[in-house]
Amino acid sequence: MSRLLARAKEQLEQGEYYDALMGLKGYVARMQSEKAREAAEEGIVGFCRKQQWGSAAELALAFVEKESTVAAAEAMRAVISAHAEADGRFLRDFFRCVAKGGACKLTPADTSSDGMAKLHSAYARYLMNEKQYAEAQAHFLLGLDPAGMKLLVDTWSPTGQPEEQPLFVVRPFLLYLAHQHPQQAHRYLKLSTETPLTPFCNYLIIALQRSAKALFQYLTRSYDALLSRDPKLTKLLQQIEAVYLNSDTVKFPTDFAAAVEELESKPQAASTSLTKHADLD
């Protein structure tokens, strides 16, 4: 096997990139974790040095899919970060490989050590800098990165009309909820700039935590004039209702009691007419 690796390295240096990639992928597939990781990292660095971003991305994905562990994805994130100038193009091709070959079995988890989530977040920042805001939003969502999402909204929202600003802010909040990431939704909300839709978001958390379907429906009716400006928000709310209020299998986390108490203690909660509906259902 050492001859296969040596030959692949030689091919890479000679510019025979396809043959080098096939050799390295074959070596990675056959070796134990540590040797496979070392070969993958060395190959990625070599391809990046030659600006062969697609080959580097395909090799990284081969290692991550072979191992199917968070540690493997974290190792690939680390080697990418060591070559910062390659980040954007590398990650672009990495996720193209994921889409082409079938998504990696890893799913982002709410932990700081999740390598795949960090890869999504890093790619989202690249896309944001390239002004590809809609695609960046999708990767910040997969990256479980509320702070990054808030930065995206601050960058993206000035491109819209003044009356659209609340919609820019509320959209990621609803996306996190619809994709069953309520903790990220709450963190994002706490970071976000207050808008006329902030009370709606606060009471939505209360409604979901209490499984208060009548309150949820009252909220959507009360704020329909604002929300209906973006038809995608209506669809997200329908998805949220289906996930948390019309399902016996998915329940809103019970550890939101402190958050709900904090929201109810705010002056806006005491002064709004919605207060009398908080005990519905």
C-alpha atoms as a PDB file:
ATOM      1  CA  MET A   1       0.000   0.000   0.000  1.00  0.00           C
ATOM      2  CA  SER A   2       2.926   2.323   0.620  1.00  0.00           C
ATOM      3  CA  ARG A   3       3.826   2.015  -3.078  1.00  0.00           C
ATOM      4  CA  LEU A   4       0.291   3.087  -4.032  1.00  0.00           C
ATOM      5  CA  LEU A   5       0.589   6.154  -1.825  1.00  0.00           C
ATOM      6  CA  ALA A   6       4.052   7.036  -3.132  1.00  0.00           C
ATOM      7  CA  ARG A   7       2.839   6.699  -6.721  1.00  0.00           C
ATOM      8  CA  ALA A   8      -0.184   8.931  -6.043  1.00  0.00           C
ATOM      9  CA  LYS A   9       2.047  11.629  -4.533  1.00  0.00           C
ATOM     10  CA  GLU A  10       4.343  11.458  -7.555  1.00  0.00           C
ATOM     11  CA  GLN A  11       1.394  11.796  -9.933  1.00  0.00           C
ATOM     12  CA  LEU A  12       0.115  14.807  -8.027  1.00  0.00           C
ATOM     13  CA  GLU A  13       3.468  16.571  -8.348  1.00  0.00           C
ATOM     14  CA  GLN A  14       3.631  15.752 -12.059  1.00  0.00           C
ATOM     15  CA  GLY A  15       0.210  17.234 -12.706  1.00  0.00           C
ATOM     16  CA  GLU A  16      -1.551  13.914 -13.285  1.00  0.00           C
ATOM     17  CA  TYR A  17      -4.355  14.991 -10.996  1.00  0.00           C
ATOM     18  CA  TYR A  18      -7.058  12.486 -11.913  1.00  0.00           C
ATOM     19  CA  ASP A  19      -4.741   9.505 -11.457  1.00  0.00           C
ATOM     20  CA  ALA A  20      -3.415  10.987  -8.219  1.00  0.00           C
ATOM     21  CA  LEU A  21      -6.947  11.448  -6.893  1.00  0.00           C
ATOM     22  CA  MET A  22      -7.942   7.879  -7.753  1.00  0.00           C
ATOM     23  CA  GLY A  23      -4.808   6.537  -6.082  1.00  0.00           C
ATOM     24  CA  LEU A  24      -5.301   8.576  -2.928  1.00  0.00           C
ATOM     25  CA  LYS A  25      -8.993   7.655  -2.688  1.00  0.00           C
ATOM     26  CA  GLY A  26      -8.070   3.989  -3.054  1.00  0.00           C
ATOM     27  CA  TYR A  27      -5.451   4.265  -0.322  1.00  0.00           C
ATOM     28  CA  VAL A  28      -7.811   6.127   2.034  1.00  0.00           C
ATOM     29  CA  ALA A  29     -10.534   3.514   1.485  1.00  0.00           C
ATOM     30  CA  ARG A  30      -8.231   0.637   2.426  1.00  0.00           C
ATOM     31  CA  MET A  31      -6.293   2.033   5.386  1.00  0.00           C
ATOM     32  CA  GLN A  32      -7.141   2.344   9.061  1.00  0.00           C
ATOM     33  CA  SER A  33      -8.406   5.694  10.354  1.00  0.00           C
ATOM     34  CA  GLU A  34      -5.115   7.334  11.377  1.00  0.00           C
ATOM     35  CA  LYS A  35      -3.166   6.485   8.225  1.00  0.00           C
ATOM     36  CA  ALA A  36      -6.186   7.298   6.068  1.00  0.00           C
ATOM     37  CA  ARG A  37      -6.508  10.707   7.727  1.00  0.00           C
ATOM     38  CA  GLU A  38      -2.803  11.492   7.267  1.00  0.00           C
ATOM     39  CA  ALA A  39      -2.942  10.576   3.574  1.00  0.00           C
ATOM     40  CA  ALA A  40      -6.145  12.552   3.045  1.00  0.00           C
ATOM     41  CA  GLU A  41      -4.732  15.636   4.727  1.00  0.00           C
ATOM     42  CA  GLU A  42      -1.449  15.461   2.798  1.00  0.00           C
ATOM     43  CA  GLY A  43      -3.337  14.976  -0.467  1.00  0.00           C
ATOM     44  CA  ILE A  44      -5.701  17.871   0.238  1.00  0.00           C
ATOM     45  CA  VAL A  45      -2.779  20.183   0.969  1.00  0.00           C
ATOM     46  CA  GLY A  46      -1.092  19.085  -2.252  1.00  0.00           C
ATOM     47  CA  PHE A  47      -4.209  19.629  -4.369  1.00  0.00           C
ATOM     48  CA  CYS A  48      -4.814  23.036  -2.765  1.00  0.00           C
ATOM     49  CA  ARG A  49      -1.225  24.028  -3.509  1.00  0.00           C
ATOM     50  CA  LYS A  50      -1.903  23.180  -7.163  1.00  0.00           C
ATOM     51  CA  GLN A  51      -5.280  24.991  -6.994  1.00  0.00           C
ATOM     52  CA  GLN A  52      -7.111  21.758  -7.759  1.00  0.00           C
ATOM     53  CA  TRP A  53     -10.039  22.595  -5.498  1.00  0.00           C
ATOM     54  CA  GLY A  54     -12.400  19.977  -6.893  1.00  0.00           C
ATOM     55  CA  SER A  55      -9.916  17.155  -6.365  1.00  0.00           C
ATOM     56  CA  ALA A  56      -9.163  18.366  -2.846  1.00  0.00           C
ATOM     57  CA  ALA A  57     -12.881  18.474  -2.060  1.00  0.00           C
ATOM     58  CA  GLU A  58     -13.541  15.008  -3.473  1.00  0.00           C
ATOM     59  CA  LEU A  59     -10.707  13.520  -1.423  1.00  0.00           C
ATOM     60  CA  ALA A  60     -11.986  15.199   1.735  1.00  0.00           C
ATOM     61  CA  LEU A  61     -15.471  13.845   1.140  1.00  0.00           C
ATOM     62  CA  ALA A  62     -14.118  10.340   0.502  1.00  0.00           C
ATOM     63  CA  PHE A  63     -12.479  10.343   3.927  1.00  0.00           C
ATOM     64  CA  VAL A  64     -15.518  11.789   5.728  1.00  0.00           C
ATOM     65  CA  GLU A  65     -17.896   9.286   4.125  1.00  0.00           C
ATOM     66  CA  LYS A  66     -15.570   6.364   4.894  1.00  0.00           C
ATOM     67  CA  GLU A  67     -15.343   7.276   8.573  1.00  0.00           C
ATOM     68  CA  SER A  68     -18.877   8.706   8.985  1.00  0.00           C
ATOM     69  CA  THR A  69     -17.881  10.406  12.221  1.00  0.00           C
ATOM     70  CA  VAL A  70     -17.925  13.953  13.489  1.00  0.00           C
ATOM     71  CA  ALA A  71     -14.192  13.653  14.220  1.00  0.00           C
ATOM     72  CA  ALA A  72     -13.509  12.929  10.550  1.00  0.00           C
ATOM     73  CA  ALA A  73     -15.409  15.997   9.412  1.00  0.00           C
ATOM     74  CA  GLU A  74     -13.651  18.069  12.069  1.00  0.00           C
ATOM     75  CA  ALA A  75     -10.272  16.858  10.801  1.00  0.00           C
ATOM     76  CA  MET A  76     -11.152  17.968   7.284  1.00  0.00           C
ATOM     77  CA  ARG A  77     -12.373  21.337   8.561  1.00  0.00           C
ATOM     78  CA  ALA A  78      -9.057  21.808  10.370  1.00  0.00           C
ATOM     79  CA  VAL A  79      -6.921  21.126   7.305  1.00  0.00           C
ATOM     80  CA  ILE A  80      -9.095  23.464   5.234  1.00  0.00           C
ATOM     81  CA  SER A  81      -8.680  26.217   7.831  1.00  0.00           C
ATOM     82  CA  ALA A  82      -4.909  25.813   7.622  1.00  0.00           C
ATOM     83  CA  HIS A  83      -5.166  26.895   3.983  1.00  0.00           C
ATOM     84  CA  ALA A  84      -7.494  29.853   4.354  1.00  0.00           C
ATOM     85  CA  GLU A  85      -7.002  31.092   0.815  1.00  0.00           C
ATOM     86  CA  ALA A  86      -8.588  27.857  -0.407  1.00  0.00           C
ATOM     87  CA  ASP A  87     -11.610  27.935   1.889  1.00  0.00           C
ATOM     88  CA  GLY A  88     -14.299  29.290  -0.392  1.00  0.00           C
ATOM     89  CA  ARG A  89     -13.460  27.406  -3.572  1.00  0.00           C
ATOM     90  CA  PHE A  90     -12.653  24.238  -1.655  1.00  0.00           C
ATOM     91  CA  LEU A  91     -15.919  24.299   0.265  1.00  0.00           C
ATOM     92  CA  ARG A  92     -17.909  25.126  -2.861  1.00  0.00           C
ATOM     93  CA  ASP A  93     -16.591  21.990  -4.533  1.00  0.00           C
ATOM     94  CA  PHE A  94     -16.886  19.960  -1.330  1.00  0.00           C
ATOM     95  CA  PHE A  95     -20.616  20.573  -1.123  1.00  0.00           C
ATOM     96  CA  ARG A  96     -21.024  20.001  -4.850  1.00  0.00           C
ATOM     97  CA  CYS A  97     -19.453  16.584  -4.295  1.00  0.00           C
ATOM     98  CA  VAL A  98     -21.839  15.961  -1.399  1.00  0.00           C
ATOM     99  CA  ALA A  99     -24.812  16.815  -3.601  1.00  0.00           C
ATOM    100  CA  LYS A 100     -23.555  14.734  -6.518  1.00  0.00           C
ATOM    101  CA  GLY A 101     -22.615  11.643  -4.550  1.00  0.00           C
ATOM    102  CA  GLY A 102     -25.416  11.670  -2.018  1.00  0.00           C
ATOM    103  CA  ALA A 103     -25.231  13.599   1.225  1.00  0.00           C
ATOM    104  CA  CYS A 104     -22.878  12.365   3.892  1.00  0.00           C
ATOM    105  CA  LYS A 105     -24.656  10.384   6.607  1.00  0.00           C
ATOM    106  CA  LEU A 106     -23.625  12.946   9.215  1.00  0.00           C
ATOM    107  CA  THR A 107     -26.305  15.370  10.308  1.00  0.00           C
ATOM    108  CA  PRO A 108     -25.379  18.626  12.055  1.00  0.00           C
ATOM    109  CA  ALA A 109     -25.711  18.446  15.823  1.00  0.00           C
ATOM    110  CA  ASP A 110     -25.916  21.279  18.290  1.00  0.00           C
ATOM    111  CA  THR A 111     -22.328  20.920  19.499  1.00  0.00           C
ATOM    112  CA  SER A 112     -19.279  23.098  19.002  1.00  0.00           C
ATOM    113  CA  SER A 113     -17.242  20.055  17.910  1.00  0.00           C
ATOM    114  CA  ASP A 114     -19.428  19.159  14.933  1.00  0.00           C
ATOM    115  CA  GLY A 115     -17.119  19.381  11.940  1.00  0.00           C
ATOM    116  CA  MET A 116     -19.845  19.228   9.297  1.00  0.00           C
ATOM    117  CA  ALA A 117     -21.752  22.101  10.904  1.00  0.00           C
ATOM    118  CA  LYS A 118     -18.557  24.158  10.925  1.00  0.00           C
ATOM    119  CA  LEU A 119     -17.962  23.387   7.264  1.00  0.00           C
ATOM    120  CA  HIS A 120     -21.448  24.644   6.422  1.00  0.00           C
ATOM    121  CA  SER A 121     -20.910  27.780   8.490  1.00  0.00           C
ATOM    122  CA  ALA A 122     -17.528  28.507   6.898  1.00  0.00           C
ATOM    123  CA  TYR A 123     -18.999  28.082   3.430  1.00  0.00           C
ATOM    124  CA  ALA A 124     -21.927  30.342   4.348  1.00  0.00           C
ATOM    125  CA  ARG A 125     -19.497  33.135   5.204  1.00  0.00           C
ATOM    126  CA  TYR A 126     -17.762  32.707   1.868  1.00  0.00           C
ATOM    127  CA  LEU A 127     -21.114  32.880   0.060  1.00  0.00           C
ATOM    128  CA  MET A 128     -22.116  35.941   2.061  1.00  0.00           C
ATOM    129  CA  ASN A 129     -18.921  37.727   1.045  1.00  0.00           C
ATOM    130  CA  GLU A 130     -19.715  36.784  -2.556  1.00  0.00           C
ATOM    131  CA  LYS A 131     -23.207  38.328  -2.056  1.00  0.00           C
ATOM    132  CA  GLN A 132     -24.909  34.994  -2.663  1.00  0.00           C
ATOM    133  CA  TYR A 133     -27.217  35.663   0.253  1.00  0.00           C
ATOM    134  CA  ALA A 134     -29.990  33.111  -0.293  1.00  0.00           C
ATOM    135  CA  GLU A 135     -27.530  30.234  -0.598  1.00  0.00           C
ATOM    136  CA  ALA A 136     -25.585  31.545   2.403  1.00  0.00           C
ATOM    137  CA  GLN A 137     -28.790  31.468   4.457  1.00  0.00           C
ATOM    138  CA  ALA A 138     -29.272  27.778   3.648  1.00  0.00           C
ATOM    139  CA  HIS A 139     -25.752  26.920   4.834  1.00  0.00           C
ATOM    140  CA  PHE A 140     -25.995  29.031   8.004  1.00  0.00           C
ATOM    141  CA  LEU A 141     -29.139  27.026   8.747  1.00  0.00           C
ATOM    142  CA  LEU A 142     -27.285  23.716   8.292  1.00  0.00           C
ATOM    143  CA  GLY A 143     -24.348  25.122  10.239  1.00  0.00           C
ATOM    144  CA  LEU A 144     -26.562  25.857  13.261  1.00  0.00           C
ATOM    145  CA  ASP A 145     -24.900  29.259  13.516  1.00  0.00           C
ATOM    146  CA  PRO A 146     -27.302  31.914  14.906  1.00  0.00           C
ATOM    147  CA  ALA A 147     -24.537  34.528  15.191  1.00  0.00           C
ATOM    148  CA  GLY A 148     -23.556  33.992  11.571  1.00  0.00           C
ATOM    149  CA  MET A 149     -27.193  34.126  10.540  1.00  0.00           C
ATOM    150  CA  LYS A 150     -27.611  37.455  12.335  1.00  0.00           C
ATOM    151  CA  LEU A 151     -24.550  38.809  10.511  1.00  0.00           C
ATOM    152  CA  LEU A 152     -26.059  37.657   7.214  1.00  0.00           C
ATOM    153  CA  VAL A 153     -29.334  39.450   7.936  1.00  0.00           C
ATOM    154  CA  ASP A 154     -27.459  42.648   8.861  1.00  0.00           C
ATOM    155  CA  THR A 155     -25.581  42.413   5.532  1.00  0.00           C
ATOM    156  CA  TRP A 156     -28.500  41.321   3.352  1.00  0.00           C
ATOM    157  CA  SER A 157     -31.397  43.395   4.683  1.00  0.00           C
ATOM    158  CA  PRO A 158     -30.084  46.819   3.474  1.00  0.00           C
ATOM    159  CA  THR A 159     -30.533  45.551  -0.087  1.00  0.00           C
ATOM    160  CA  GLY A 160     -34.305  45.446   0.450  1.00  0.00           C
ATOM    161  CA  GLN A 161     -36.948  48.103   0.965  1.00  0.00           C
ATOM    162  CA  PRO A 162     -37.390  49.656   4.446  1.00  0.00           C
ATOM    163  CA  GLU A 163     -40.777  47.979   4.902  1.00  0.00           C
ATOM    164  CA  GLU A 164     -39.158  44.586   4.215  1.00  0.00           C
ATOM    165  CA  GLN A 165     -36.684  44.792   7.113  1.00  0.00           C
ATOM    166  CA  PRO A 166     -38.869  42.868   9.617  1.00  0.00           C
ATOM    167  CA  LEU A 167     -39.253  40.063   7.071  1.00  0.00           C
ATOM    168  CA  PHE A 168     -35.489  39.674   6.704  1.00  0.00           C
ATOM    169  CA  VAL A 169     -35.199  39.312  10.481  1.00  0.00           C
ATOM    170  CA  VAL A 170     -38.091  36.899  11.058  1.00  0.00           C
ATOM    171  CA  ARG A 171     -37.289  34.514   8.189  1.00  0.00           C
ATOM    172  CA  PRO A 172     -34.266  32.758   9.821  1.00  0.00           C
ATOM    173  CA  PHE A 173     -36.186  32.465  13.099  1.00  0.00           C
ATOM    174  CA  LEU A 174     -38.971  30.578  11.346  1.00  0.00           C
ATOM    175  CA  LEU A 175     -36.502  28.516   9.325  1.00  0.00           C
ATOM    176  CA  TYR A 176     -34.787  27.269  12.487  1.00  0.00           C
ATOM    177  CA  LEU A 177     -38.155  26.361  14.013  1.00  0.00           C
ATOM    178  CA  ALA A 178     -39.432  24.649  10.865  1.00  0.00           C
ATOM    179  CA  HIS A 179     -36.269  22.524  10.705  1.00  0.00           C
ATOM    180  CA  GLN A 180     -36.675  21.521  14.363  1.00  0.00           C
ATOM    181  CA  HIS A 181     -33.861  23.622  15.821  1.00  0.00           C
ATOM    182  CA  PRO A 182     -35.761  25.654  18.485  1.00  0.00           C
ATOM    183  CA  GLN A 183     -32.649  26.367  20.567  1.00  0.00           C
ATOM    184  CA  GLN A 184     -30.987  28.038  17.593  1.00  0.00           C
ATOM    185  CA  ALA A 185     -34.208  29.927  16.853  1.00  0.00           C
ATOM    186  CA  HIS A 186     -34.235  31.329  20.385  1.00  0.00           C
ATOM    187  CA  ARG A 187     -30.522  32.239  20.314  1.00  0.00           C
ATOM    188  CA  TYR A 188     -30.949  33.959  16.970  1.00  0.00           C
ATOM    189  CA  LEU A 189     -33.941  35.904  18.269  1.00  0.00           C
ATOM    190  CA  LYS A 190     -31.993  37.148  21.287  1.00  0.00           C
ATOM    191  CA  LEU A 191     -29.207  38.400  19.005  1.00  0.00           C
ATOM    192  CA  SER A 192     -31.479  40.019  16.437  1.00  0.00           C
ATOM    193  CA  THR A 193     -32.494  43.639  16.059  1.00  0.00           C
ATOM    194  CA  GLU A 194     -35.997  44.313  17.362  1.00  0.00           C
ATOM    195  CA  THR A 195     -38.640  44.891  14.703  1.00  0.00           C
ATOM    196  CA  PRO A 196     -42.463  45.104  14.660  1.00  0.00           C
ATOM    197  CA  LEU A 197     -42.416  41.286  14.365  1.00  0.00           C
ATOM    198  CA  THR A 198     -40.363  40.701  17.533  1.00  0.00           C
ATOM    199  CA  PRO A 199     -43.472  40.383  19.772  1.00  0.00           C
ATOM    200  CA  PHE A 200     -44.859  37.861  17.306  1.00  0.00           C
ATOM    201  CA  CYS A 201     -41.684  35.763  17.610  1.00  0.00           C
ATOM    202  CA  ASN A 202     -41.737  35.957  21.410  1.00  0.00           C
ATOM    203  CA  TYR A 203     -45.337  34.829  21.650  1.00  0.00           C
ATOM    204  CA  LEU A 204     -44.753  32.125  19.071  1.00  0.00           C
ATOM    205  CA  ILE A 205     -42.217  30.549  21.433  1.00  0.00           C
ATOM    206  CA  ILE A 206     -44.775  30.721  24.249  1.00  0.00           C
ATOM    207  CA  ALA A 207     -47.459  29.138  22.059  1.00  0.00           C
ATOM    208  CA  LEU A 208     -45.211  26.281  20.976  1.00  0.00           C
ATOM    209  CA  GLN A 209     -43.839  25.609  24.445  1.00  0.00           C
ATOM    210  CA  ARG A 210     -47.393  25.368  25.810  1.00  0.00           C
ATOM    211  CA  SER A 211     -48.748  23.491  22.766  1.00  0.00           C
ATOM    212  CA  ALA A 212     -51.289  26.326  22.531  1.00  0.00           C
ATOM    213  CA  LYS A 213     -52.693  25.866  19.051  1.00  0.00           C
ATOM    214  CA  ALA A 214     -55.376  28.547  19.485  1.00  0.00           C
ATOM    215  CA  LEU A 215     -52.748  31.111  20.471  1.00  0.00           C
ATOM    216  CA  PHE A 216     -50.584  30.074  17.513  1.00  0.00           C
ATOM    217  CA  GLN A 217     -53.480  30.604  15.117  1.00  0.00           C
ATOM    218  CA  TYR A 218     -54.427  33.912  16.767  1.00  0.00           C
ATOM    219  CA  LEU A 219     -50.859  35.123  16.290  1.00  0.00           C
ATOM    220  CA  THR A 220     -50.736  34.210  12.607  1.00  0.00           C
ATOM    221  CA  ARG A 221     -54.049  35.998  12.025  1.00  0.00           C
ATOM    222  CA  SER A 222     -53.006  39.084  13.992  1.00  0.00           C
ATOM    223  CA  TYR A 223     -49.729  39.516  12.107  1.00  0.00           C
ATOM    224  CA  ASP A 224     -50.952  38.357   8.717  1.00  0.00           C
ATOM    225  CA  ALA A 225     -50.724  41.849   7.191  1.00  0.00           C
ATOM    226  CA  LEU A 226     -46.958  41.837   7.759  1.00  0.00           C
ATOM    227  CA  LEU A 227     -46.240  38.141   7.231  1.00  0.00           C
ATOM    228  CA  SER A 228     -48.229  37.807   4.014  1.00  0.00           C
ATOM    229  CA  ARG A 229     -45.773  40.105   2.217  1.00  0.00           C
ATOM    230  CA  ASP A 230     -43.548  37.039   1.910  1.00  0.00           C
ATOM    231  CA  PRO A 231     -45.496  33.893   0.887  1.00  0.00           C
ATOM    232  CA  LYS A 232     -42.580  31.711   2.042  1.00  0.00           C
ATOM    233  CA  LEU A 233     -43.248  32.770   5.642  1.00  0.00           C
ATOM    234  CA  THR A 234     -46.809  31.461   5.450  1.00  0.00           C
ATOM    235  CA  LYS A 235     -45.499  28.098   4.262  1.00  0.00           C
ATOM    236  CA  LEU A 236     -42.936  28.014   7.088  1.00  0.00           C
ATOM    237  CA  LEU A 237     -45.663  28.707   9.658  1.00  0.00           C
ATOM    238  CA  GLN A 238     -47.747  25.888   8.224  1.00  0.00           C
ATOM    239  CA  GLN A 239     -44.750  23.599   8.557  1.00  0.00           C
ATOM    240  CA  ILE A 240     -44.122  24.733  12.135  1.00  0.00           C
ATOM    241  CA  GLU A 241     -47.743  24.090  13.093  1.00  0.00           C
ATOM    242  CA  ALA A 242     -47.619  20.648  11.505  1.00  0.00           C
ATOM    243  CA  VAL A 243     -44.363  19.738  13.234  1.00  0.00           C
ATOM    244  CA  TYR A 244     -45.092  20.930  16.781  1.00  0.00           C
ATOM    245  CA  LEU A 245     -48.868  21.198  17.122  1.00  0.00           C
ATOM    246  CA  ASN A 246     -50.296  18.559  14.789  1.00  0.00           C
ATOM    247  CA  SER A 247     -47.853  15.781  15.543  1.00  0.00           C
ATOM    248  CA  ASP A 248     -47.637  13.280  18.373  1.00  0.00           C
ATOM    249  CA  THR A 249     -44.001  12.470  17.626  1.00  0.00           C
ATOM    250  CA  VAL A 250     -42.354  15.921  17.731  1.00  0.00           C
ATOM    251  CA  LYS A 251     -42.751  18.077  20.805  1.00  0.00           C
ATOM    252  CA  PHE A 252     -41.325  21.502  21.547  1.00  0.00           C
ATOM    253  CA  PRO A 253     -38.515  21.185  24.142  1.00  0.00           C
ATOM    254  CA  THR A 254     -39.678  21.364  27.746  1.00  0.00           C
ATOM    255  CA  ASP A 255     -36.533  23.220  28.844  1.00  0.00           C
ATOM    256  CA  PHE A 256     -37.932  26.526  27.581  1.00  0.00           C
ATOM    257  CA  ALA A 257     -39.710  27.347  30.842  1.00  0.00           C
ATOM    258  CA  ALA A 258     -37.067  29.922  31.824  1.00  0.00           C
ATOM    259  CA  ALA A 259     -37.156  31.509  28.375  1.00  0.00           C
ATOM    260  CA  VAL A 260     -40.936  31.737  28.475  1.00  0.00           C
ATOM    261  CA  GLU A 261     -40.843  33.302  31.947  1.00  0.00           C
ATOM    262  CA  GLU A 262     -38.295  35.849  30.704  1.00  0.00           C
ATOM    263  CA  LEU A 263     -40.431  36.712  27.673  1.00  0.00           C
ATOM    264  CA  GLU A 264     -43.587  37.127  29.761  1.00  0.00           C
ATOM    265  CA  SER A 265     -41.812  39.490  32.140  1.00  0.00           C
ATOM    266  CA  LYS A 266     -40.927  41.939  29.369  1.00  0.00           C
ATOM    267  CA  PRO A 267     -42.850  45.249  29.281  1.00  0.00           C
ATOM    268  CA  GLN A 268     -44.073  44.539  25.742  1.00  0.00           C
ATOM    269  CA  ALA A 269     -45.732  41.363  26.979  1.00  0.00           C
ATOM    270  CA  ALA A 270     -47.565  43.173  29.752  1.00  0.00           C
ATOM    271  CA  SER A 271     -48.779  45.977  27.513  1.00  0.00           C
ATOM    272  CA  THR A 272     -49.947  44.017  24.488  1.00  0.00           C
ATOM    273  CA  SER A 273     -53.484  42.758  24.003  1.00  0.00           C
ATOM    274  CA  LEU A 274     -52.021  39.336  23.273  1.00  0.00           C
ATOM    275  CA  THR A 275     -51.457  38.781  26.988  1.00  0.00           C
ATOM    276  CA  LYS A 276     -55.039  37.682  27.544  1.00  0.00           C
ATOM    277  CA  HIS A 277     -54.587  34.962  24.900  1.00  0.00           C
ATOM    278  CA  ALA A 278     -51.460  33.442  26.449  1.00  0.00           C
ATOM    279  CA  ASP A 279     -53.474  30.889  28.406  1.00  0.00           C
ATOM    280  CA  LEU A 280     -55.427  29.603  25.404  1.00  0.00           C
ATOM    281  CA  ASP A 281     -55.517  25.813  25.088  1.00  0.00           C
END
